[in-house]
Amino acid sequence: MGIFLANISPFSVAVVVTVYGGVFIIQFFQRQEGLFLITRDRLFPFILGSIPFLGYQFWVTNTDPILSKWNAQNITPTPILPLFIMGFIPLIIWSIIGIIFAIKTKKEQFWIPILWVLVEFLLIYLPSALQRRFSIGLYIPLVVLAGFAYQGLSSSSLNKKIPVQLLFNISIGISLIPFIILLFVFIQAIDRHDPTIYLSKEEYEAYQWMDANLPKGDLILAGKESGLFLPVYTGLKVFYGHPFESVDATYFQNWIDSFYSENISIEEQIKFLNEYSVSYILWGYREKTTYKSPPNLFKSHWVKLIYQNSAISVYQYIPTY
């Protein structure tokens, strides 16, 4: 399990080890020898199984020149605590009630989900660039504790004074609101053919032509919106396609803006194209929307128009080394 989880979800390994390690420590100090030995025989093989891949991943993301740059900008901070808690309302309210019931009734089987929640909140606020990724799996203990709260309230004397089932139904209704809002937003985007999720007919035709006629892996200069679609449909490489997954994203986004808006000279444009061995330049409707007019470089002998339809032009750059 350690081997599999380290490959599938490395951040989950940290959660499992800290939660199960906490159980191990509790059992040790409570002198629950039988349970302590079972936990030990599960925990340590799990850790040993996960170490090789985790160690390799840590090493390669810190030593590989590309992955290290990517890792440096892979920052996912946790929102401030009040906002983070609000994201789990009303579930977290039921979970807190479940914790209170578990403590009052001394239900030891609920110590693990309680410990799990505490460990998760500790991990997500550690001084790390990847804080939010440690929240993986947090819903599981919260749901377990909320279920215990519902069970406890339903079977207690409070049920005669408090309409528990009604509160539970209201909570489910509140939980559905964000999903309804998101669904409405997506339906609106589909209805207006939002360009962030739709390609135009001309754009798709141009991508088909590039896929069939241009060598895979060649580098094409394009605006940031086009850069998100080009690798998928054409096999070409781009400078910028995603703010977190593109290496040196901010640097190249600024360069692309400078190139298309002509804040730099033609000589600087050519130097940039030569330095990174750019093969093609795209001038599509997305670029036209952002930058209005094409760069003067397109009128020079350094580029050649190789494809054009009513919305998109593709230029080949002729290197001048």
C-alpha atoms as a PDB file:
ATOM      1  CA  MET A   1       0.000   0.000   0.000  1.00  0.00           C
ATOM      2  CA  GLY A   2       2.905   2.351   0.719  1.00  0.00           C
ATOM      3  CA  ILE A   3       4.347   1.692  -2.741  1.00  0.00           C
ATOM      4  CA  PHE A   4       1.004   2.228  -4.484  1.00  0.00           C
ATOM      5  CA  LEU A   5      -0.042   5.346  -2.556  1.00  0.00           C
ATOM      6  CA  ALA A   6       3.371   7.011  -2.952  1.00  0.00           C
ATOM      7  CA  ASN A   7       2.997   6.654  -6.732  1.00  0.00           C
ATOM      8  CA  ILE A   8      -0.646   7.696  -6.920  1.00  0.00           C
ATOM      9  CA  SER A   9      -0.883  10.435  -4.282  1.00  0.00           C
ATOM     10  CA  PRO A  10       2.333  11.322  -2.406  1.00  0.00           C
ATOM     11  CA  PHE A  11       0.572  13.882  -0.208  1.00  0.00           C
ATOM     12  CA  SER A  12      -1.754  11.166   1.070  1.00  0.00           C
ATOM     13  CA  VAL A  13       1.277   9.311   2.415  1.00  0.00           C
ATOM     14  CA  ALA A  14       2.028  12.210   4.775  1.00  0.00           C
ATOM     15  CA  VAL A  15      -1.577  12.162   6.011  1.00  0.00           C
ATOM     16  CA  VAL A  16      -1.627   8.387   6.545  1.00  0.00           C
ATOM     17  CA  VAL A  17       1.745   8.317   8.331  1.00  0.00           C
ATOM     18  CA  THR A  18       0.930  11.214  10.678  1.00  0.00           C
ATOM     19  CA  VAL A  19      -2.568   9.936  11.530  1.00  0.00           C
ATOM     20  CA  TYR A  20      -1.527   6.311  11.937  1.00  0.00           C
ATOM     21  CA  GLY A  21       1.635   7.419  13.719  1.00  0.00           C
ATOM     22  CA  GLY A  22      -0.550   9.345  16.176  1.00  0.00           C
ATOM     23  CA  VAL A  23      -2.599   6.211  16.795  1.00  0.00           C
ATOM     24  CA  PHE A  24       0.661   4.297  17.325  1.00  0.00           C
ATOM     25  CA  ILE A  25       1.844   6.805  19.958  1.00  0.00           C
ATOM     26  CA  ILE A  26      -1.517   6.824  21.774  1.00  0.00           C
ATOM     27  CA  GLN A  27      -1.597   3.026  21.916  1.00  0.00           C
ATOM     28  CA  PHE A  28       1.992   2.958  23.178  1.00  0.00           C
ATOM     29  CA  PHE A  29       1.343   5.318  26.092  1.00  0.00           C
ATOM     30  CA  GLN A  30      -1.955   3.598  26.913  1.00  0.00           C
ATOM     31  CA  ARG A  31      -0.059   0.304  26.978  1.00  0.00           C
ATOM     32  CA  GLN A  32      -2.481  -1.353  24.557  1.00  0.00           C
ATOM     33  CA  GLU A  33       0.145  -3.906  23.653  1.00  0.00           C
ATOM     34  CA  GLY A  34      -1.957  -6.035  21.301  1.00  0.00           C
ATOM     35  CA  LEU A  35      -3.195  -3.062  19.244  1.00  0.00           C
ATOM     36  CA  PHE A  36       0.195  -1.391  19.496  1.00  0.00           C
ATOM     37  CA  LEU A  37       1.915  -4.388  17.859  1.00  0.00           C
ATOM     38  CA  ILE A  38      -0.708  -4.588  15.086  1.00  0.00           C
ATOM     39  CA  THR A  39      -0.316  -0.871  14.326  1.00  0.00           C
ATOM     40  CA  ARG A  40       3.469  -1.187  14.356  1.00  0.00           C
ATOM     41  CA  ASP A  41       3.378  -4.118  11.928  1.00  0.00           C
ATOM     42  CA  ARG A  42       1.213  -2.080   9.537  1.00  0.00           C
ATOM     43  CA  LEU A  43       2.807   1.346   9.898  1.00  0.00           C
ATOM     44  CA  PHE A  44       6.500   0.567   9.444  1.00  0.00           C
ATOM     45  CA  PRO A  45       6.171  -1.603   6.307  1.00  0.00           C
ATOM     46  CA  PHE A  46       3.920   1.108   4.865  1.00  0.00           C
ATOM     47  CA  ILE A  47       6.615   3.737   5.514  1.00  0.00           C
ATOM     48  CA  LEU A  48       9.368   1.519   4.083  1.00  0.00           C
ATOM     49  CA  GLY A  49       7.291   0.854   0.972  1.00  0.00           C
ATOM     50  CA  SER A  50       6.626   4.538   0.332  1.00  0.00           C
ATOM     51  CA  ILE A  51      10.151   5.869   0.974  1.00  0.00           C
ATOM     52  CA  PRO A  52      11.829   4.841  -2.354  1.00  0.00           C
ATOM     53  CA  PHE A  53       9.410   6.696  -4.637  1.00  0.00           C
ATOM     54  CA  LEU A  54       9.001   9.679  -2.284  1.00  0.00           C
ATOM     55  CA  GLY A  55      12.788   9.974  -2.016  1.00  0.00           C
ATOM     56  CA  TYR A  56      13.198   9.744  -5.786  1.00  0.00           C
ATOM     57  CA  GLN A  57      10.467  12.316  -6.390  1.00  0.00           C
ATOM     58  CA  PHE A  58      12.016  14.730  -3.884  1.00  0.00           C
ATOM     59  CA  TRP A  59      15.448  14.270  -5.444  1.00  0.00           C
ATOM     60  CA  VAL A  60      14.358  14.698  -9.057  1.00  0.00           C
ATOM     61  CA  THR A  61      12.150  17.746  -8.424  1.00  0.00           C
ATOM     62  CA  ASN A  62      15.055  19.479  -6.710  1.00  0.00           C
ATOM     63  CA  THR A  63      17.880  18.502  -9.085  1.00  0.00           C
ATOM     64  CA  ASP A  64      16.323  18.356 -12.539  1.00  0.00           C
ATOM     65  CA  PRO A  65      16.705  21.841 -14.106  1.00  0.00           C
ATOM     66  CA  ILE A  66      13.180  21.875 -15.562  1.00  0.00           C
ATOM     67  CA  LEU A  67      11.315  20.187 -12.711  1.00  0.00           C
ATOM     68  CA  SER A  68      13.069  22.344 -10.119  1.00  0.00           C
ATOM     69  CA  LYS A  69      11.829  25.503 -11.879  1.00  0.00           C
ATOM     70  CA  TRP A  70       8.351  24.026 -12.122  1.00  0.00           C
ATOM     71  CA  ASN A  71       8.422  23.045  -8.448  1.00  0.00           C
ATOM     72  CA  ALA A  72       9.521  26.548  -7.407  1.00  0.00           C
ATOM     73  CA  GLN A  73       6.309  28.067  -8.789  1.00  0.00           C
ATOM     74  CA  ASN A  74       4.054  25.205  -7.704  1.00  0.00           C
ATOM     75  CA  ILE A  75       2.678  27.156  -4.754  1.00  0.00           C
ATOM     76  CA  THR A  76      -0.698  26.170  -3.275  1.00  0.00           C
ATOM     77  CA  PRO A  77      -1.264  27.974   0.032  1.00  0.00           C
ATOM     78  CA  THR A  78      -4.219  27.186   2.271  1.00  0.00           C
ATOM     79  CA  PRO A  79      -6.805  29.988   2.604  1.00  0.00           C
ATOM     80  CA  ILE A  80      -6.931  31.753   5.961  1.00  0.00           C
ATOM     81  CA  LEU A  81      -8.598  29.585   8.628  1.00  0.00           C
ATOM     82  CA  PRO A  82     -12.043  31.333   8.687  1.00  0.00           C
ATOM     83  CA  LEU A  83     -12.400  30.987   4.898  1.00  0.00           C
ATOM     84  CA  PHE A  84     -11.190  27.382   4.960  1.00  0.00           C
ATOM     85  CA  ILE A  85     -13.738  26.478   7.650  1.00  0.00           C
ATOM     86  CA  MET A  86     -16.506  28.281   5.749  1.00  0.00           C
ATOM     87  CA  GLY A  87     -15.803  25.975   2.815  1.00  0.00           C
ATOM     88  CA  PHE A  88     -16.930  23.013   4.939  1.00  0.00           C
ATOM     89  CA  ILE A  89     -20.089  24.562   6.406  1.00  0.00           C
ATOM     90  CA  PRO A  90     -22.507  23.024   7.406  1.00  0.00           C
ATOM     91  CA  LEU A  91     -20.621  19.687   7.476  1.00  0.00           C
ATOM     92  CA  ILE A  92     -18.041  20.947   9.946  1.00  0.00           C
ATOM     93  CA  ILE A  93     -20.789  21.995  12.414  1.00  0.00           C
ATOM     94  CA  TRP A  94     -22.133  18.447  12.484  1.00  0.00           C
ATOM     95  CA  SER A  95     -18.545  17.170  12.812  1.00  0.00           C
ATOM     96  CA  ILE A  96     -17.918  19.346  15.880  1.00  0.00           C
ATOM     97  CA  ILE A  97     -21.115  17.979  17.453  1.00  0.00           C
ATOM     98  CA  GLY A  98     -19.829  14.487  16.615  1.00  0.00           C
ATOM     99  CA  ILE A  99     -16.525  15.229  18.386  1.00  0.00           C
ATOM    100  CA  ILE A 100     -18.420  16.420  21.481  1.00  0.00           C
ATOM    101  CA  PHE A 101     -20.542  13.243  21.510  1.00  0.00           C
ATOM    102  CA  ALA A 102     -17.445  11.058  21.016  1.00  0.00           C
ATOM    103  CA  ILE A 103     -15.657  12.692  23.958  1.00  0.00           C
ATOM    104  CA  LYS A 104     -18.698  12.568  26.246  1.00  0.00           C
ATOM    105  CA  THR A 105     -19.518   8.942  25.474  1.00  0.00           C
ATOM    106  CA  LYS A 106     -15.826   7.917  25.349  1.00  0.00           C
ATOM    107  CA  LYS A 107     -16.275   6.152  22.012  1.00  0.00           C
ATOM    108  CA  GLU A 108     -12.699   5.103  21.290  1.00  0.00           C
ATOM    109  CA  GLN A 109     -13.457   4.112  17.684  1.00  0.00           C
ATOM    110  CA  PHE A 110     -13.965   7.813  16.920  1.00  0.00           C
ATOM    111  CA  TRP A 111     -10.528   8.826  18.175  1.00  0.00           C
ATOM    112  CA  ILE A 112      -9.036   8.064  14.768  1.00  0.00           C
ATOM    113  CA  PRO A 113     -11.312  10.462  12.797  1.00  0.00           C
ATOM    114  CA  ILE A 114     -10.824  13.101  15.519  1.00  0.00           C
ATOM    115  CA  LEU A 115      -7.056  12.654  15.310  1.00  0.00           C
ATOM    116  CA  TRP A 116      -7.318  12.679  11.507  1.00  0.00           C
ATOM    117  CA  VAL A 117      -9.045  16.087  11.521  1.00  0.00           C
ATOM    118  CA  LEU A 118      -6.505  17.555  13.955  1.00  0.00           C
ATOM    119  CA  VAL A 119      -3.567  16.226  11.913  1.00  0.00           C
ATOM    120  CA  GLU A 120      -5.030  17.581   8.662  1.00  0.00           C
ATOM    121  CA  PHE A 121      -5.437  21.065  10.131  1.00  0.00           C
ATOM    122  CA  LEU A 122      -1.871  20.890  11.421  1.00  0.00           C
ATOM    123  CA  LEU A 123      -0.479  19.828   8.034  1.00  0.00           C
ATOM    124  CA  ILE A 124      -2.347  22.412   5.964  1.00  0.00           C
ATOM    125  CA  TYR A 125      -0.917  25.267   8.025  1.00  0.00           C
ATOM    126  CA  LEU A 126       2.674  24.090   8.215  1.00  0.00           C
ATOM    127  CA  PRO A 127       5.111  26.581   6.606  1.00  0.00           C
ATOM    128  CA  SER A 128       5.151  24.882   3.212  1.00  0.00           C
ATOM    129  CA  ALA A 129       4.543  25.998  -0.374  1.00  0.00           C
ATOM    130  CA  LEU A 130       2.179  23.050  -0.844  1.00  0.00           C
ATOM    131  CA  GLN A 131      -0.062  23.526   2.188  1.00  0.00           C
ATOM    132  CA  ARG A 132      -3.442  23.051   0.551  1.00  0.00           C
ATOM    133  CA  ARG A 133      -2.479  19.725  -1.021  1.00  0.00           C
ATOM    134  CA  PHE A 134      -2.346  18.146   2.434  1.00  0.00           C
ATOM    135  CA  SER A 135      -6.104  18.658   2.819  1.00  0.00           C
ATOM    136  CA  ILE A 136      -6.631  15.552   0.687  1.00  0.00           C
ATOM    137  CA  GLY A 137      -9.056  13.131   2.363  1.00  0.00           C
ATOM    138  CA  LEU A 138     -10.294  15.629   4.950  1.00  0.00           C
ATOM    139  CA  TYR A 139     -13.913  14.977   4.016  1.00  0.00           C
ATOM    140  CA  ILE A 140     -13.662  11.350   5.167  1.00  0.00           C
ATOM    141  CA  PRO A 141     -13.240  11.959   8.946  1.00  0.00           C
ATOM    142  CA  LEU A 142     -15.599  14.937   8.834  1.00  0.00           C
ATOM    143  CA  VAL A 143     -18.359  12.802   7.313  1.00  0.00           C
ATOM    144  CA  VAL A 144     -17.727   9.994   9.837  1.00  0.00           C
ATOM    145  CA  LEU A 145     -18.003  12.441  12.744  1.00  0.00           C
ATOM    146  CA  ALA A 146     -21.058  14.149  11.228  1.00  0.00           C
ATOM    147  CA  GLY A 147     -22.741  10.762  10.865  1.00  0.00           C
ATOM    148  CA  PHE A 148     -22.040  10.024  14.524  1.00  0.00           C
ATOM    149  CA  ALA A 149     -23.515  13.419  15.470  1.00  0.00           C
ATOM    150  CA  TYR A 150     -26.696  12.672  13.511  1.00  0.00           C
ATOM    151  CA  GLN A 151     -26.948   9.245  15.127  1.00  0.00           C
ATOM    152  CA  GLY A 152     -26.307  10.664  18.592  1.00  0.00           C
ATOM    153  CA  LEU A 153     -28.791  13.526  18.271  1.00  0.00           C
ATOM    154  CA  SER A 154     -31.483  11.258  16.822  1.00  0.00           C
ATOM    155  CA  SER A 155     -31.246   8.823  19.731  1.00  0.00           C
ATOM    156  CA  SER A 156     -30.915  11.440  22.492  1.00  0.00           C
ATOM    157  CA  SER A 157     -33.571  13.220  24.486  1.00  0.00           C
ATOM    158  CA  LEU A 158     -32.776  16.386  22.533  1.00  0.00           C
ATOM    159  CA  ASN A 159     -34.546  14.856  19.545  1.00  0.00           C
ATOM    160  CA  LYS A 160     -37.891  15.653  21.180  1.00  0.00           C
ATOM    161  CA  LYS A 161     -36.979  19.355  21.402  1.00  0.00           C
ATOM    162  CA  ILE A 162     -34.884  19.722  18.251  1.00  0.00           C
ATOM    163  CA  PRO A 163     -36.180  18.541  14.844  1.00  0.00           C
ATOM    164  CA  VAL A 164     -32.933  16.694  14.012  1.00  0.00           C
ATOM    165  CA  GLN A 165     -34.168  15.295  10.693  1.00  0.00           C
ATOM    166  CA  LEU A 166     -35.314  18.755   9.585  1.00  0.00           C
ATOM    167  CA  LEU A 167     -31.912  20.273  10.507  1.00  0.00           C
ATOM    168  CA  PHE A 168     -30.195  17.456   8.660  1.00  0.00           C
ATOM    169  CA  ASN A 169     -32.278  18.058   5.513  1.00  0.00           C
ATOM    170  CA  ILE A 170     -31.628  21.806   5.715  1.00  0.00           C
ATOM    171  CA  SER A 171     -27.892  21.099   6.005  1.00  0.00           C
ATOM    172  CA  ILE A 172     -27.977  18.959   2.873  1.00  0.00           C
ATOM    173  CA  GLY A 173     -29.854  21.732   1.072  1.00  0.00           C
ATOM    174  CA  ILE A 174     -27.230  24.312   2.103  1.00  0.00           C
ATOM    175  CA  SER A 175     -24.453  21.943   0.985  1.00  0.00           C
ATOM    176  CA  LEU A 176     -26.019  21.722  -2.482  1.00  0.00           C
ATOM    177  CA  ILE A 177     -26.079  25.508  -3.051  1.00  0.00           C
ATOM    178  CA  PRO A 178     -22.444  25.817  -4.288  1.00  0.00           C
ATOM    179  CA  PHE A 179     -22.966  22.926  -6.716  1.00  0.00           C
ATOM    180  CA  ILE A 180     -26.155  24.522  -8.053  1.00  0.00           C
ATOM    181  CA  ILE A 181     -24.318  27.824  -8.547  1.00  0.00           C
ATOM    182  CA  LEU A 182     -21.453  26.080 -10.350  1.00  0.00           C
ATOM    183  CA  LEU A 183     -23.899  24.142 -12.523  1.00  0.00           C
ATOM    184  CA  PHE A 184     -25.660  27.397 -13.446  1.00  0.00           C
ATOM    185  CA  VAL A 185     -22.313  29.042 -14.319  1.00  0.00           C
ATOM    186  CA  PHE A 186     -21.334  26.099 -16.525  1.00  0.00           C
ATOM    187  CA  ILE A 187     -24.713  26.084 -18.289  1.00  0.00           C
ATOM    188  CA  GLN A 188     -24.355  29.819 -18.962  1.00  0.00           C
ATOM    189  CA  ALA A 189     -20.828  29.277 -20.337  1.00  0.00           C
ATOM    190  CA  ILE A 190     -22.069  26.490 -22.608  1.00  0.00           C
ATOM    191  CA  ASP A 191     -25.025  28.571 -23.777  1.00  0.00           C
ATOM    192  CA  ARG A 192     -22.820  31.499 -24.859  1.00  0.00           C
ATOM    193  CA  HIS A 193     -20.056  29.241 -26.231  1.00  0.00           C
ATOM    194  CA  ASP A 194     -17.467  30.732 -23.897  1.00  0.00           C
ATOM    195  CA  PRO A 195     -14.098  30.776 -25.725  1.00  0.00           C
ATOM    196  CA  THR A 196     -12.276  29.554 -22.610  1.00  0.00           C
ATOM    197  CA  ILE A 197     -13.943  26.156 -23.069  1.00  0.00           C
ATOM    198  CA  TYR A 198     -14.870  26.222 -26.780  1.00  0.00           C
ATOM    199  CA  LEU A 199     -12.806  26.350 -29.963  1.00  0.00           C
ATOM    200  CA  SER A 200     -14.226  28.175 -32.946  1.00  0.00           C
ATOM    201  CA  LYS A 201     -14.725  26.202 -36.179  1.00  0.00           C
ATOM    202  CA  GLU A 202     -11.877  28.126 -37.843  1.00  0.00           C
ATOM    203  CA  GLU A 203      -9.596  27.560 -34.868  1.00  0.00           C
ATOM    204  CA  TYR A 204     -10.256  23.827 -34.879  1.00  0.00           C
ATOM    205  CA  GLU A 205      -9.595  23.642 -38.631  1.00  0.00           C
ATOM    206  CA  ALA A 206      -6.291  25.469 -38.164  1.00  0.00           C
ATOM    207  CA  TYR A 207      -5.291  23.100 -35.355  1.00  0.00           C
ATOM    208  CA  GLN A 208      -6.122  20.106 -37.539  1.00  0.00           C
ATOM    209  CA  TRP A 209      -3.886  21.502 -40.284  1.00  0.00           C
ATOM    210  CA  MET A 210      -1.043  22.115 -37.825  1.00  0.00           C
ATOM    211  CA  ASP A 211      -1.428  18.618 -36.420  1.00  0.00           C
ATOM    212  CA  ALA A 212      -1.174  17.107 -39.898  1.00  0.00           C
ATOM    213  CA  ASN A 213       1.573  19.326 -41.358  1.00  0.00           C
ATOM    214  CA  LEU A 214       3.895  20.598 -38.620  1.00  0.00           C
ATOM    215  CA  PRO A 215       6.516  18.444 -36.849  1.00  0.00           C
ATOM    216  CA  LYS A 216       5.483  17.345 -33.354  1.00  0.00           C
ATOM    217  CA  GLY A 217       7.502  18.978 -30.595  1.00  0.00           C
ATOM    218  CA  ASP A 218       8.410  22.125 -32.520  1.00  0.00           C
ATOM    219  CA  LEU A 219       8.019  25.362 -30.581  1.00  0.00           C
ATOM    220  CA  ILE A 220       5.291  27.839 -31.503  1.00  0.00           C
ATOM    221  CA  LEU A 221       4.875  31.329 -30.065  1.00  0.00           C
ATOM    222  CA  ALA A 222       1.248  32.026 -29.151  1.00  0.00           C
ATOM    223  CA  GLY A 223      -0.863  34.007 -26.715  1.00  0.00           C
ATOM    224  CA  LYS A 224      -1.601  32.524 -23.311  1.00  0.00           C
ATOM    225  CA  GLU A 225      -5.151  31.399 -24.210  1.00  0.00           C
ATOM    226  CA  SER A 226      -4.036  29.661 -27.407  1.00  0.00           C
ATOM    227  CA  GLY A 227      -1.138  28.149 -25.476  1.00  0.00           C
ATOM    228  CA  LEU A 228      -3.619  26.224 -23.366  1.00  0.00           C
ATOM    229  CA  PHE A 229      -5.082  24.425 -26.415  1.00  0.00           C
ATOM    230  CA  LEU A 230      -2.197  24.085 -28.878  1.00  0.00           C
ATOM    231  CA  PRO A 231      -0.245  21.228 -27.218  1.00  0.00           C
ATOM    232  CA  VAL A 232      -3.423  19.149 -26.938  1.00  0.00           C
ATOM    233  CA  TYR A 233      -4.590  19.493 -30.529  1.00  0.00           C
ATOM    234  CA  THR A 234      -1.324  19.903 -32.453  1.00  0.00           C
ATOM    235  CA  GLY A 235       1.493  18.312 -30.466  1.00  0.00           C
ATOM    236  CA  LEU A 236       3.451  21.574 -30.673  1.00  0.00           C
ATOM    237  CA  LYS A 237       5.223  23.053 -27.643  1.00  0.00           C
ATOM    238  CA  VAL A 238       4.368  26.497 -26.260  1.00  0.00           C
ATOM    239  CA  PHE A 239       5.985  28.933 -23.842  1.00  0.00           C
ATOM    240  CA  TYR A 240       2.900  29.511 -21.733  1.00  0.00           C
ATOM    241  CA  GLY A 241      -0.252  27.454 -21.387  1.00  0.00           C
ATOM    242  CA  HIS A 242      -1.011  27.293 -17.671  1.00  0.00           C
ATOM    243  CA  PRO A 243       0.077  29.593 -14.827  1.00  0.00           C
ATOM    244  CA  PHE A 244       1.325  26.724 -12.620  1.00  0.00           C
ATOM    245  CA  GLU A 245       2.296  24.013 -15.088  1.00  0.00           C
ATOM    246  CA  SER A 246       4.278  26.266 -17.461  1.00  0.00           C
ATOM    247  CA  VAL A 247       7.915  26.584 -16.424  1.00  0.00           C
ATOM    248  CA  ASP A 248       8.962  30.222 -15.806  1.00  0.00           C
ATOM    249  CA  ALA A 249       5.331  31.165 -16.432  1.00  0.00           C
ATOM    250  CA  THR A 250       5.530  34.823 -15.362  1.00  0.00           C
ATOM    251  CA  TYR A 251       8.742  35.461 -17.293  1.00  0.00           C
ATOM    252  CA  PHE A 252       7.401  34.030 -20.546  1.00  0.00           C
ATOM    253  CA  GLN A 253       3.987  35.626 -20.164  1.00  0.00           C
ATOM    254  CA  ASN A 254       5.686  39.015 -19.927  1.00  0.00           C
ATOM    255  CA  TRP A 255       7.812  38.199 -22.978  1.00  0.00           C
ATOM    256  CA  ILE A 256       4.768  37.124 -24.989  1.00  0.00           C
ATOM    257  CA  ASP A 257       2.946  40.337 -24.038  1.00  0.00           C
ATOM    258  CA  SER A 258       5.994  42.395 -25.021  1.00  0.00           C
ATOM    259  CA  PHE A 259       6.373  40.528 -28.316  1.00  0.00           C
ATOM    260  CA  TYR A 260       2.774  40.897 -29.482  1.00  0.00           C
ATOM    261  CA  SER A 261       2.251  44.425 -28.145  1.00  0.00           C
ATOM    262  CA  GLU A 262       5.600  45.507 -29.668  1.00  0.00           C
ATOM    263  CA  ASN A 263       7.042  46.923 -26.494  1.00  0.00           C
ATOM    264  CA  ILE A 264      10.357  45.602 -27.777  1.00  0.00           C
ATOM    265  CA  SER A 265      12.187  46.199 -31.056  1.00  0.00           C
ATOM    266  CA  ILE A 266      12.256  43.790 -33.995  1.00  0.00           C
ATOM    267  CA  GLU A 267      15.902  43.069 -33.159  1.00  0.00           C
ATOM    268  CA  GLU A 268      14.898  42.017 -29.627  1.00  0.00           C
ATOM    269  CA  GLN A 269      12.053  39.924 -31.031  1.00  0.00           C
ATOM    270  CA  ILE A 270      14.455  38.100 -33.348  1.00  0.00           C
ATOM    271  CA  LYS A 271      16.967  37.591 -30.550  1.00  0.00           C
ATOM    272  CA  PHE A 272      14.230  36.000 -28.437  1.00  0.00           C
ATOM    273  CA  LEU A 273      13.054  33.745 -31.281  1.00  0.00           C
ATOM    274  CA  ASN A 274      16.620  32.618 -31.991  1.00  0.00           C
ATOM    275  CA  GLU A 275      17.474  32.040 -28.337  1.00  0.00           C
ATOM    276  CA  TYR A 276      14.610  29.595 -27.848  1.00  0.00           C
ATOM    277  CA  SER A 277      14.606  28.088 -31.387  1.00  0.00           C
ATOM    278  CA  VAL A 278      11.049  29.145 -32.177  1.00  0.00           C
ATOM    279  CA  SER A 279       9.727  27.559 -35.370  1.00  0.00           C
ATOM    280  CA  TYR A 280       6.277  29.145 -35.744  1.00  0.00           C
ATOM    281  CA  ILE A 281       4.239  32.140 -34.627  1.00  0.00           C
ATOM    282  CA  LEU A 282       0.464  32.127 -34.251  1.00  0.00           C
ATOM    283  CA  TRP A 283      -1.785  35.071 -34.939  1.00  0.00           C
ATOM    284  CA  GLY A 284      -5.322  33.951 -34.116  1.00  0.00           C
ATOM    285  CA  TYR A 285      -8.550  35.509 -32.972  1.00  0.00           C
ATOM    286  CA  ARG A 286      -7.506  35.120 -29.339  1.00  0.00           C
ATOM    287  CA  GLU A 287      -4.311  37.090 -30.008  1.00  0.00           C
ATOM    288  CA  LYS A 288      -6.277  39.670 -32.014  1.00  0.00           C
ATOM    289  CA  THR A 289      -8.677  40.160 -29.095  1.00  0.00           C
ATOM    290  CA  THR A 290      -5.809  40.794 -26.670  1.00  0.00           C
ATOM    291  CA  TYR A 291      -3.250  42.655 -28.788  1.00  0.00           C
ATOM    292  CA  LYS A 292      -5.431  44.305 -31.494  1.00  0.00           C
ATOM    293  CA  SER A 293      -2.826  44.654 -34.282  1.00  0.00           C
ATOM    294  CA  PRO A 294      -0.236  42.144 -35.590  1.00  0.00           C
ATOM    295  CA  PRO A 295       3.474  42.734 -34.879  1.00  0.00           C
ATOM    296  CA  ASN A 296       5.431  44.477 -37.638  1.00  0.00           C
ATOM    297  CA  LEU A 297       7.703  41.418 -37.723  1.00  0.00           C
ATOM    298  CA  PHE A 298       4.993  39.669 -39.769  1.00  0.00           C
ATOM    299  CA  LYS A 299       5.677  42.122 -42.617  1.00  0.00           C
ATOM    300  CA  SER A 300       9.387  41.335 -42.676  1.00  0.00           C
ATOM    301  CA  HIS A 301      11.368  38.715 -44.614  1.00  0.00           C
ATOM    302  CA  TRP A 302      12.092  36.826 -41.368  1.00  0.00           C
ATOM    303  CA  VAL A 303       8.662  35.202 -41.332  1.00  0.00           C
ATOM    304  CA  LYS A 304       6.615  33.373 -43.931  1.00  0.00           C
ATOM    305  CA  LEU A 305       2.849  32.864 -43.940  1.00  0.00           C
ATOM    306  CA  ILE A 306       2.214  29.122 -44.233  1.00  0.00           C
ATOM    307  CA  TYR A 307      -1.458  28.856 -43.272  1.00  0.00           C
ATOM    308  CA  GLN A 308      -4.400  31.232 -43.101  1.00  0.00           C
ATOM    309  CA  ASN A 309      -8.162  31.110 -42.730  1.00  0.00           C
ATOM    310  CA  SER A 310     -10.690  33.778 -41.790  1.00  0.00           C
ATOM    311  CA  ALA A 311      -9.673  33.766 -38.113  1.00  0.00           C
ATOM    312  CA  ILE A 312      -6.127  32.409 -37.797  1.00  0.00           C
ATOM    313  CA  SER A 313      -2.752  32.856 -39.443  1.00  0.00           C
ATOM    314  CA  VAL A 314       0.296  30.669 -38.878  1.00  0.00           C
ATOM    315  CA  TYR A 315       3.743  32.050 -39.686  1.00  0.00           C
ATOM    316  CA  GLN A 316       6.985  30.143 -40.018  1.00  0.00           C
ATOM    317  CA  TYR A 317      10.015  31.857 -38.562  1.00  0.00           C
ATOM    318  CA  ILE A 318      13.175  31.719 -40.679  1.00  0.00           C
ATOM    319  CA  PRO A 319      16.078  31.744 -38.208  1.00  0.00           C
ATOM    320  CA  THR A 320      18.873  34.266 -38.577  1.00  0.00           C
ATOM    321  CA  TYR A 321      21.728  32.737 -36.613  1.00  0.00           C
END
